[in-house]
C-alpha atoms as a PDB file:
ATOM      1  CA  MET A   1      60.706  19.782  88.223  1.00  0.00           C
ATOM      2  CA  PRO A   2      60.553  22.558  85.578  1.00  0.00           C
ATOM      3  CA  GLU A   3      57.845  20.770  83.574  1.00  0.00           C
ATOM      4  CA  THR A   4      55.545  20.570  86.608  1.00  0.00           C
ATOM      5  CA  ARG A   5      56.061  24.267  87.316  1.00  0.00           C
ATOM      6  CA  GLU A   6      55.232  25.212  83.733  1.00  0.00           C
ATOM      7  CA  GLN A   7      52.111  23.029  83.751  1.00  0.00           C
ATOM      8  CA  LEU A   8      51.008  24.574  87.040  1.00  0.00           C
ATOM      9  CA  ALA A   9      51.592  28.082  85.704  1.00  0.00           C
ATOM     10  CA  ASP A  10      49.465  27.327  82.627  1.00  0.00           C
ATOM     11  CA  ALA A  11      46.728  25.821  84.812  1.00  0.00           C
ATOM     12  CA  LEU A  12      46.711  28.839  87.132  1.00  0.00           C
ATOM     13  CA  VAL A  13      46.358  31.222  84.195  1.00  0.00           C
ATOM     14  CA  GLU A  14      43.403  29.259  82.833  1.00  0.00           C
ATOM     15  CA  LEU A  15      41.796  28.877  86.250  1.00  0.00           C
ATOM     16  CA  THR A  16      42.152  32.522  87.280  1.00  0.00           C
ATOM     17  CA  THR A  17      40.700  33.558  83.928  1.00  0.00           C
ATOM     18  CA  GLN A  18      37.623  31.554  84.897  1.00  0.00           C
ATOM     19  CA  LEU A  19      37.550  33.008  88.404  1.00  0.00           C
ATOM     20  CA  VAL A  20      37.579  36.675  87.364  1.00  0.00           C
ATOM     21  CA  ALA A  21      35.067  36.205  84.541  1.00  0.00           C
ATOM     22  CA  ASP A  22      31.613  37.790  84.725  1.00  0.00           C
ATOM     23  CA  GLY A  23      29.778  34.775  86.060  1.00  0.00           C
ATOM     24  CA  THR A  24      31.761  31.640  86.835  1.00  0.00           C
ATOM     25  CA  ASP A  25      30.967  28.664  84.606  1.00  0.00           C
ATOM     26  CA  VAL A  26      31.027  25.927  87.236  1.00  0.00           C
ATOM     27  CA  ALA A  27      31.240  23.060  84.754  1.00  0.00           C
ATOM     28  CA  ALA A  28      34.122  24.719  82.902  1.00  0.00           C
ATOM     29  CA  LEU A  29      35.888  25.468  86.176  1.00  0.00           C
ATOM     30  CA  LEU A  30      35.731  21.839  87.282  1.00  0.00           C
ATOM     31  CA  ARG A  31      36.919  20.673  83.860  1.00  0.00           C
ATOM     32  CA  VAL A  32      39.968  22.931  84.123  1.00  0.00           C
ATOM     33  CA  VAL A  33      40.836  21.590  87.574  1.00  0.00           C
ATOM     34  CA  THR A  34      40.360  17.897  86.809  1.00  0.00           C
ATOM     35  CA  ARG A  35      42.143  18.105  83.447  1.00  0.00           C
ATOM     36  CA  SER A  36      45.036  20.146  84.850  1.00  0.00           C
ATOM     37  CA  CYS A  37      45.551  17.824  87.813  1.00  0.00           C
ATOM     38  CA  GLY A  38      45.493  14.866  85.464  1.00  0.00           C
ATOM     39  CA  GLU A  39      48.141  16.446  83.267  1.00  0.00           C
ATOM     40  CA  LEU A  40      50.293  17.391  86.255  1.00  0.00           C
ATOM     41  CA  THR A  41      50.311  13.837  87.596  1.00  0.00           C
ATOM     42  CA  GLY A  42      49.942  11.706  84.489  1.00  0.00           C
ATOM     43  CA  ALA A  43      46.610  10.381  85.772  1.00  0.00           C
ATOM     44  CA  ALA A  44      44.554   8.180  83.469  1.00  0.00           C
ATOM     45  CA  ALA A  45      41.194   9.323  84.858  1.00  0.00           C
ATOM     46  CA  ALA A  46      39.588  11.597  87.431  1.00  0.00           C
ATOM     47  CA  GLY A  47      36.400  11.788  89.473  1.00  0.00           C
ATOM     48  CA  LEU A  48      34.870  14.408  91.730  1.00  0.00           C
ATOM     49  CA  LEU A  49      32.590  14.035  94.756  1.00  0.00           C
ATOM     50  CA  MET A  50      30.841  16.942  96.485  1.00  0.00           C
ATOM     51  CA  THR A  51      28.774  17.120  99.653  1.00  0.00           C
ATOM     52  CA  ASP A  52      25.106  17.950  99.209  1.00  0.00           C
ATOM     53  CA  ALA A  53      22.741  20.027 101.362  1.00  0.00           C
ATOM     54  CA  ARG A  54      21.990  17.027 103.592  1.00  0.00           C
ATOM     55  CA  GLY A  55      25.653  16.247 104.192  1.00  0.00           C
ATOM     56  CA  GLY A  56      25.663  13.283 101.817  1.00  0.00           C
ATOM     57  CA  LEU A  57      27.965  12.807  98.832  1.00  0.00           C
ATOM     58  CA  GLU A  58      27.154  13.168  95.145  1.00  0.00           C
ATOM     59  CA  VAL A  59      29.169  12.362  92.019  1.00  0.00           C
ATOM     60  CA  VAL A  60      29.556  15.615  90.065  1.00  0.00           C
ATOM     61  CA  ALA A  61      32.220  14.609  87.529  1.00  0.00           C
ATOM     62  CA  ALA A  62      33.844  11.466  86.150  1.00  0.00           C
ATOM     63  CA  SER A  63      36.158  10.849  83.217  1.00  0.00           C
ATOM     64  CA  ASP A  64      34.381   7.712  82.013  1.00  0.00           C
ATOM     65  CA  ASP A  65      31.921   5.021  83.024  1.00  0.00           C
ATOM     66  CA  THR A  66      34.516   3.038  84.990  1.00  0.00           C
ATOM     67  CA  THR A  67      35.509   6.086  87.012  1.00  0.00           C
ATOM     68  CA  GLU A  68      31.875   6.986  87.639  1.00  0.00           C
ATOM     69  CA  PHE A  69      31.216   3.460  88.893  1.00  0.00           C
ATOM     70  CA  LEU A  70      34.126   3.756  91.344  1.00  0.00           C
ATOM     71  CA  GLU A  71      32.853   7.117  92.581  1.00  0.00           C
ATOM     72  CA  VAL A  72      29.328   5.763  93.044  1.00  0.00           C
ATOM     73  CA  LEU A  73      30.782   2.729  94.837  1.00  0.00           C
ATOM     74  CA  GLN A  74      32.455   5.023  97.369  1.00  0.00           C
ATOM     75  CA  VAL A  75      29.192   6.890  97.960  1.00  0.00           C
ATOM     76  CA  LEU A  76      27.252   3.656  98.487  1.00  0.00           C
ATOM     77  CA  THR A  77      29.818   1.977 100.757  1.00  0.00           C
ATOM     78  CA  GLY A  78      31.005   5.112 102.540  1.00  0.00           C
ATOM     79  CA  ASP A  79      34.528   3.848 101.965  1.00  0.00           C
ATOM     80  CA  GLY A  80      37.341   4.803  99.610  1.00  0.00           C
ATOM     81  CA  PRO A  81      40.094   7.371  99.047  1.00  0.00           C
ATOM     82  CA  CYS A  82      37.832  10.276  98.149  1.00  0.00           C
ATOM     83  CA  VAL A  83      35.482   9.610 101.057  1.00  0.00           C
ATOM     84  CA  GLU A  84      38.434   9.395 103.439  1.00  0.00           C
ATOM     85  CA  SER A  85      39.954  12.591 102.055  1.00  0.00           C
ATOM     86  CA  ILE A  86      36.664  14.444 102.606  1.00  0.00           C
ATOM     87  CA  ARG A  87      36.307  12.980 106.086  1.00  0.00           C
ATOM     88  CA  THR A  88      39.850  13.887 107.198  1.00  0.00           C
ATOM     89  CA  GLY A  89      40.508  16.977 105.094  1.00  0.00           C
ATOM     90  CA  GLU A  90      43.849  15.473 104.078  1.00  0.00           C
ATOM     91  CA  ILE A  91      45.414  14.182 100.869  1.00  0.00           C
ATOM     92  CA  VAL A  92      44.970  10.403 100.666  1.00  0.00           C
ATOM     93  CA  GLY A  93      47.003   8.188  98.369  1.00  0.00           C
ATOM     94  CA  VAL A  94      47.728   4.542  97.692  1.00  0.00           C
ATOM     95  CA  ALA A  95      50.735   3.819  95.510  1.00  0.00           C
ATOM     96  CA  ASP A  96      49.757   0.218  94.729  1.00  0.00           C
ATOM     97  CA  LEU A  97      46.118  -0.857  94.832  1.00  0.00           C
ATOM     98  CA  GLY A  98      47.154  -4.425  94.012  1.00  0.00           C
ATOM     99  CA  ALA A  99      49.169  -4.860  97.210  1.00  0.00           C
ATOM    100  CA  GLU A 100      48.123  -7.445  99.770  1.00  0.00           C
ATOM    101  CA  ASP A 101      45.630  -6.337 102.451  1.00  0.00           C
ATOM    102  CA  PRO A 102      44.555  -3.227 100.525  1.00  0.00           C
ATOM    103  CA  ARG A 103      42.705  -0.333 102.088  1.00  0.00           C
ATOM    104  CA  TRP A 104      39.054  -0.250 101.053  1.00  0.00           C
ATOM    105  CA  PRO A 105      38.928  -3.840  99.617  1.00  0.00           C
ATOM    106  CA  ALA A 106      35.773  -3.331  97.517  1.00  0.00           C
ATOM    107  CA  PHE A 107      37.086  -0.116  95.996  1.00  0.00           C
ATOM    108  CA  ALA A 108      40.568  -1.562  95.403  1.00  0.00           C
ATOM    109  CA  GLU A 109      39.131  -4.634  93.675  1.00  0.00           C
ATOM    110  CA  GLY A 110      36.945  -2.513  91.418  1.00  0.00           C
ATOM    111  CA  ALA A 111      39.772  -0.092  90.594  1.00  0.00           C
ATOM    112  CA  VAL A 112      42.228  -2.855  89.699  1.00  0.00           C
ATOM    113  CA  ALA A 113      39.567  -4.569  87.583  1.00  0.00           C
ATOM    114  CA  GLY A 114      39.084  -1.242  85.790  1.00  0.00           C
ATOM    115  CA  GLY A 115      42.774  -1.016  84.914  1.00  0.00           C
ATOM    116  CA  PHE A 116      43.980   1.305  87.690  1.00  0.00           C
ATOM    117  CA  ARG A 117      46.904   0.583  90.005  1.00  0.00           C
ATOM    118  CA  ALA A 118      47.253   3.764  92.087  1.00  0.00           C
ATOM    119  CA  VAL A 119      44.945   6.498  93.351  1.00  0.00           C
ATOM    120  CA  HIS A 120      45.308   9.893  94.999  1.00  0.00           C
ATOM    121  CA  ALA A 121      42.481  11.958  96.478  1.00  0.00           C
ATOM    122  CA  PHE A 122      42.573  15.687  97.289  1.00  0.00           C
ATOM    123  CA  PRO A 123      40.096  17.470  99.592  1.00  0.00           C
ATOM    124  CA  LEU A 124      38.215  20.523  98.370  1.00  0.00           C
ATOM    125  CA  ARG A 125      38.505  22.645 101.497  1.00  0.00           C
ATOM    126  CA  LEU A 126      36.341  25.481 102.767  1.00  0.00           C
ATOM    127  CA  ARG A 127      36.696  27.039 106.226  1.00  0.00           C
ATOM    128  CA  ARG A 128      38.677  24.129 107.708  1.00  0.00           C
ATOM    129  CA  ARG A 129      36.419  21.414 106.400  1.00  0.00           C
ATOM    130  CA  ALA A 130      36.261  19.471 103.152  1.00  0.00           C
ATOM    131  CA  VAL A 131      33.193  20.013 100.965  1.00  0.00           C
ATOM    132  CA  GLY A 132      34.298  17.611  98.274  1.00  0.00           C
ATOM    133  CA  GLY A 133      37.132  15.499  96.973  1.00  0.00           C
ATOM    134  CA  LEU A 134      39.043  15.039  93.721  1.00  0.00           C
ATOM    135  CA  ASN A 135      40.122  11.496  92.831  1.00  0.00           C
ATOM    136  CA  LEU A 136      43.009  10.890  90.418  1.00  0.00           C
ATOM    137  CA  PHE A 137      43.379   7.359  89.046  1.00  0.00           C
ATOM    138  CA  HIS A 138      46.687   6.081  87.657  1.00  0.00           C
ATOM    139  CA  ALA A 139      47.308   3.168  85.316  1.00  0.00           C
ATOM    140  CA  HIS A 140      50.654   2.387  86.946  1.00  0.00           C
ATOM    141  CA  ALA A 141      51.678   1.967  90.576  1.00  0.00           C
ATOM    142  CA  GLY A 142      53.728   4.777  92.080  1.00  0.00           C
ATOM    143  CA  GLU A 143      53.854   7.775  94.401  1.00  0.00           C
ATOM    144  CA  LEU A 144      53.388  11.390  93.389  1.00  0.00           C
ATOM    145  CA  THR A 145      56.125  13.890  94.127  1.00  0.00           C
ATOM    146  CA  ARG A 146      55.716  16.522  96.832  1.00  0.00           C
ATOM    147  CA  GLU A 147      55.561  19.172  94.119  1.00  0.00           C
ATOM    148  CA  GLN A 148      52.771  17.350  92.294  1.00  0.00           C
ATOM    149  CA  LEU A 149      50.785  16.917  95.503  1.00  0.00           C
ATOM    150  CA  GLN A 150      51.105  20.605  96.369  1.00  0.00           C
ATOM    151  CA  ALA A 151      50.156  21.699  92.851  1.00  0.00           C
ATOM    152  CA  CYS A 152      46.988  19.581  92.771  1.00  0.00           C
ATOM    153  CA  GLN A 153      45.930  20.706  96.251  1.00  0.00           C
ATOM    154  CA  THR A 154      46.395  24.329  95.219  1.00  0.00           C
ATOM    155  CA  LEU A 155      44.158  23.847  92.196  1.00  0.00           C
ATOM    156  CA  ALA A 156      41.555  22.025  94.286  1.00  0.00           C
ATOM    157  CA  ASP A 157      41.467  24.897  96.795  1.00  0.00           C
ATOM    158  CA  LEU A 158      41.116  27.474  94.011  1.00  0.00           C
ATOM    159  CA  ALA A 159      38.215  25.480  92.575  1.00  0.00           C
ATOM    160  CA  VAL A 160      36.350  25.885  95.875  1.00  0.00           C
ATOM    161  CA  LEU A 161      36.936  29.640  95.774  1.00  0.00           C
ATOM    162  CA  GLY A 162      35.371  29.675  92.330  1.00  0.00           C
ATOM    163  CA  LEU A 163      32.403  27.592  93.402  1.00  0.00           C
ATOM    164  CA  THR A 164      31.677  29.933  96.333  1.00  0.00           C
ATOM    165  CA  ALA A 165      32.276  33.235  94.516  1.00  0.00           C
ATOM    166  CA  GLU A 166      29.493  35.824  94.473  1.00  0.00           C
ATOM    167  CA  PRO A 167      27.950  36.227  90.994  1.00  0.00           C
ATOM    168  CA  GLY A 168      27.662  39.441  88.986  1.00  0.00           C
ATOM    169  CA  ASP A 169      26.717  42.636  90.823  1.00  0.00           C
ATOM    170  CA  ARG A 170      26.799  40.825  94.182  1.00  0.00           C
ATOM    171  CA  ARG A 171      30.518  40.260  93.635  1.00  0.00           C
ATOM    172  CA  ASP A 172      31.044  44.027  93.173  1.00  0.00           C
ATOM    173  CA  ALA A 173      29.051  44.775  96.336  1.00  0.00           C
ATOM    174  CA  ARG A 174      30.987  42.166  98.260  1.00  0.00           C
ATOM    175  CA  LEU A 175      34.273  43.750  97.129  1.00  0.00           C
ATOM    176  CA  VAL A 176      33.135  47.160  98.424  1.00  0.00           C
ATOM    177  CA  GLU A 177      32.170  45.615 101.782  1.00  0.00           C
ATOM    178  CA  THR A 178      35.491  43.788 102.062  1.00  0.00           C
ATOM    179  CA  THR A 179      37.445  46.929 101.213  1.00  0.00           C
ATOM    180  CA  LEU A 180      35.652  48.858 103.972  1.00  0.00           C
ATOM    181  CA  VAL A 181      36.432  46.097 106.474  1.00  0.00           C
ATOM    182  CA  VAL A 182      40.112  46.141 105.502  1.00  0.00           C
ATOM    183  CA  LEU A 183      40.302  49.914 105.837  1.00  0.00           C
ATOM    184  CA  ASN A 184      38.586  49.833 109.245  1.00  0.00           C
ATOM    185  CA  GLU A 185      40.978  47.142 110.468  1.00  0.00           C
ATOM    186  CA  ARG A 186      43.926  49.210 109.220  1.00  0.00           C
ATOM    187  CA  VAL A 187      42.725  52.241 111.198  1.00  0.00           C
ATOM    188  CA  ARG A 188      42.131  50.123 114.314  1.00  0.00           C
ATOM    189  CA  LEU A 189      45.599  48.593 114.075  1.00  0.00           C
ATOM    190  CA  ALA A 190      47.203  52.030 113.762  1.00  0.00           C
ATOM    191  CA  GLN A 191      45.236  53.189 116.814  1.00  0.00           C
ATOM    192  CA  ALA A 192      46.351  50.138 118.802  1.00  0.00           C
ATOM    193  CA  VAL A 193      49.983  50.708 117.841  1.00  0.00           C
ATOM    194  CA  GLY A 194      49.699  54.303 119.060  1.00  0.00           C
ATOM    195  CA  MET A 195      48.261  53.117 122.378  1.00  0.00           C
ATOM    196  CA  VAL A 196      51.103  50.630 122.893  1.00  0.00           C
ATOM    197  CA  ALA A 197      53.717  53.201 121.893  1.00  0.00           C
ATOM    198  CA  ALA A 198      52.366  55.767 124.355  1.00  0.00           C
ATOM    199  CA  ALA A 199      51.928  53.302 127.216  1.00  0.00           C
ATOM    200  CA  ARG A 200      55.300  51.624 126.828  1.00  0.00           C
ATOM    201  CA  GLY A 201      57.392  54.615 125.747  1.00  0.00           C
ATOM    202  CA  LEU A 202      58.239  53.057 122.379  1.00  0.00           C
ATOM    203  CA  ASP A 203      58.490  54.409 118.883  1.00  0.00           C
ATOM    204  CA  PRO A 204      55.683  53.218 116.550  1.00  0.00           C
ATOM    205  CA  GLY A 205      57.891  50.689 114.782  1.00  0.00           C
ATOM    206  CA  ALA A 206      58.877  48.948 118.012  1.00  0.00           C
ATOM    207  CA  ALA A 207      55.282  49.080 119.269  1.00  0.00           C
ATOM    208  CA  ARG A 208      54.087  47.408 116.085  1.00  0.00           C
ATOM    209  CA  VAL A 209      56.662  44.617 116.445  1.00  0.00           C
ATOM    210  CA  LEU A 210      55.600  44.096 120.062  1.00  0.00           C
ATOM    211  CA  LEU A 211      51.937  43.871 119.067  1.00  0.00           C
ATOM    212  CA  HIS A 212      52.644  41.313 116.324  1.00  0.00           C
ATOM    213  CA  ALA A 213      54.918  39.309 118.618  1.00  0.00           C
ATOM    214  CA  HIS A 214      52.177  39.210 121.251  1.00  0.00           C
ATOM    215  CA  ALA A 215      49.749  37.912 118.612  1.00  0.00           C
ATOM    216  CA  ASP A 216      52.228  35.225 117.573  1.00  0.00           C
ATOM    217  CA  ARG A 217      52.742  34.076 121.147  1.00  0.00           C
ATOM    218  CA  ARG A 218      48.981  33.847 121.735  1.00  0.00           C
ATOM    219  CA  ARG A 219      48.447  32.124 118.356  1.00  0.00           C
ATOM    220  CA  THR A 220      46.023  34.794 117.221  1.00  0.00           C
ATOM    221  CA  THR A 221      46.050  37.646 114.713  1.00  0.00           C
ATOM    222  CA  ALA A 222      47.313  41.192 115.022  1.00  0.00           C
ATOM    223  CA  THR A 223      43.795  42.352 114.101  1.00  0.00           C
ATOM    224  CA  ALA A 224      42.335  40.474 117.077  1.00  0.00           C
ATOM    225  CA  VAL A 225      44.933  41.950 119.441  1.00  0.00           C
ATOM    226  CA  ALA A 226      44.263  45.451 118.070  1.00  0.00           C
ATOM    227  CA  GLU A 227      40.528  45.010 118.657  1.00  0.00           C
ATOM    228  CA  ALA A 228      41.152  43.868 122.233  1.00  0.00           C
ATOM    229  CA  LEU A 229      43.374  46.885 122.866  1.00  0.00           C
ATOM    230  CA  THR A 230      41.028  49.478 121.377  1.00  0.00           C
ATOM    231  CA  THR A 231      37.953  48.087 123.153  1.00  0.00           C
ATOM    232  CA  GLY A 232      39.698  48.003 126.535  1.00  0.00           C
ATOM    233  CA  ARG A 233      39.709  44.204 126.884  1.00  0.00           C
ATOM    234  CA  LEU A 234      43.515  44.198 126.806  1.00  0.00           C
ATOM    235  CA  ALA A 235      45.761  46.774 128.492  1.00  0.00           C
ATOM    236  CA  PRO A 236      48.800  47.981 126.504  1.00  0.00           C
ATOM    237  CA  GLY A 237      50.994  47.148 129.487  1.00  0.00           C
ATOM    238  CA  ALA A 238      49.826  43.518 129.362  1.00  0.00           C
ATOM    239  CA  LEU A 239      51.647  42.837 126.114  1.00  0.00           C
ATOM    240  CA  ALA A 240      54.515  40.459 126.940  1.00  0.00           C
ATOM    241  CA  ALA A 241      57.657  42.519 127.221  1.00  0.00           C
ATOM    242  CA  ASP A 242      59.797  39.485 126.431  1.00  0.00           C
ATOM    243  CA  ALA A 243      57.848  38.561 123.309  1.00  0.00           C
ATOM    244  CA  PRO A 244      60.407  38.020 120.548  1.00  0.00           C
ATOM    245  CA  PRO A 245      59.844  39.871 117.275  1.00  0.00           C
ATOM    246  CA  ARG A 246      58.929  37.849 114.217  1.00  0.00           C
ATOM    247  CA  PRO A 247      62.183  36.290 112.995  1.00  0.00           C
ATOM    248  CA  SER A 248      61.878  37.289 109.351  1.00  0.00           C
ATOM    249  CA  THR A 249      59.862  40.509 109.489  1.00  0.00           C
ATOM    250  CA  SER A 250      61.310  43.912 110.265  1.00  0.00           C
ATOM    251  CA  PRO A 251      59.448  46.962 111.613  1.00  0.00           C
ATOM    252  CA  ALA A 252      59.727  48.445 108.120  1.00  0.00           C
ATOM    253  CA  ALA A 253      58.019  45.398 106.653  1.00  0.00           C
ATOM    254  CA  HIS A 254      55.206  45.681 109.202  1.00  0.00           C
ATOM    255  CA  ARG A 255      54.720  49.309 108.222  1.00  0.00           C
ATOM    256  CA  ALA A 256      54.443  48.267 104.568  1.00  0.00           C
ATOM    257  CA  LEU A 257      51.908  45.587 105.399  1.00  0.00           C
ATOM    258  CA  ASP A 258      49.826  47.395 107.981  1.00  0.00           C
ATOM    259  CA  GLY A 259      50.191  51.035 107.099  1.00  0.00           C
END
């Protein structure tokens, strides 16, 4: 859908402009996300719930009074699409709120009375848990496309990055710290590759592929394997000799990525 891609591109430009600004305007950031998701999906209204310090839920944004009522209703009853999305960390959608035996009866009744027929909720995710949820309300019944779902989830995730970004000078300091960590990990990985190459009689490229393949088989990262090797917790000879290389990544690509 070319139109969806263009809308997403415009939204990403506006959102990243907010993210790299000197001091993120939280209210403006949330407005960009809710408005952009509404435009991408043709939603009639939007609401946003966030978890508070006690683990409860608070309404932080709503398009109008009807939407705010529906968000408050979810908080009070502990039931509804946004609450479920936050609880599960998954996208939740109902294509027809007027169908028989609806999910969340109280919410569905209130939404239909307010002129809405479909709803989709997207989790705002941080470190494998949802810290909030974005509700999109639609005046007509219907499903969203896969592309629309992916676009809205991407914007929701970027919103969380903006909300958790370090302000001002702390952001600069954090960047310096992160850069040092990356450089240290790069050096450690190169050292681990050299250890594997020497122990197994391989050239560096083949040793790198073996290290990455071992990480894939153990469902961990190459950085974690390199740390285990350089600290003596893993012997170079213990890397699985039959570990297949990554199917789409060549030794040259690993060199480009890892130095």
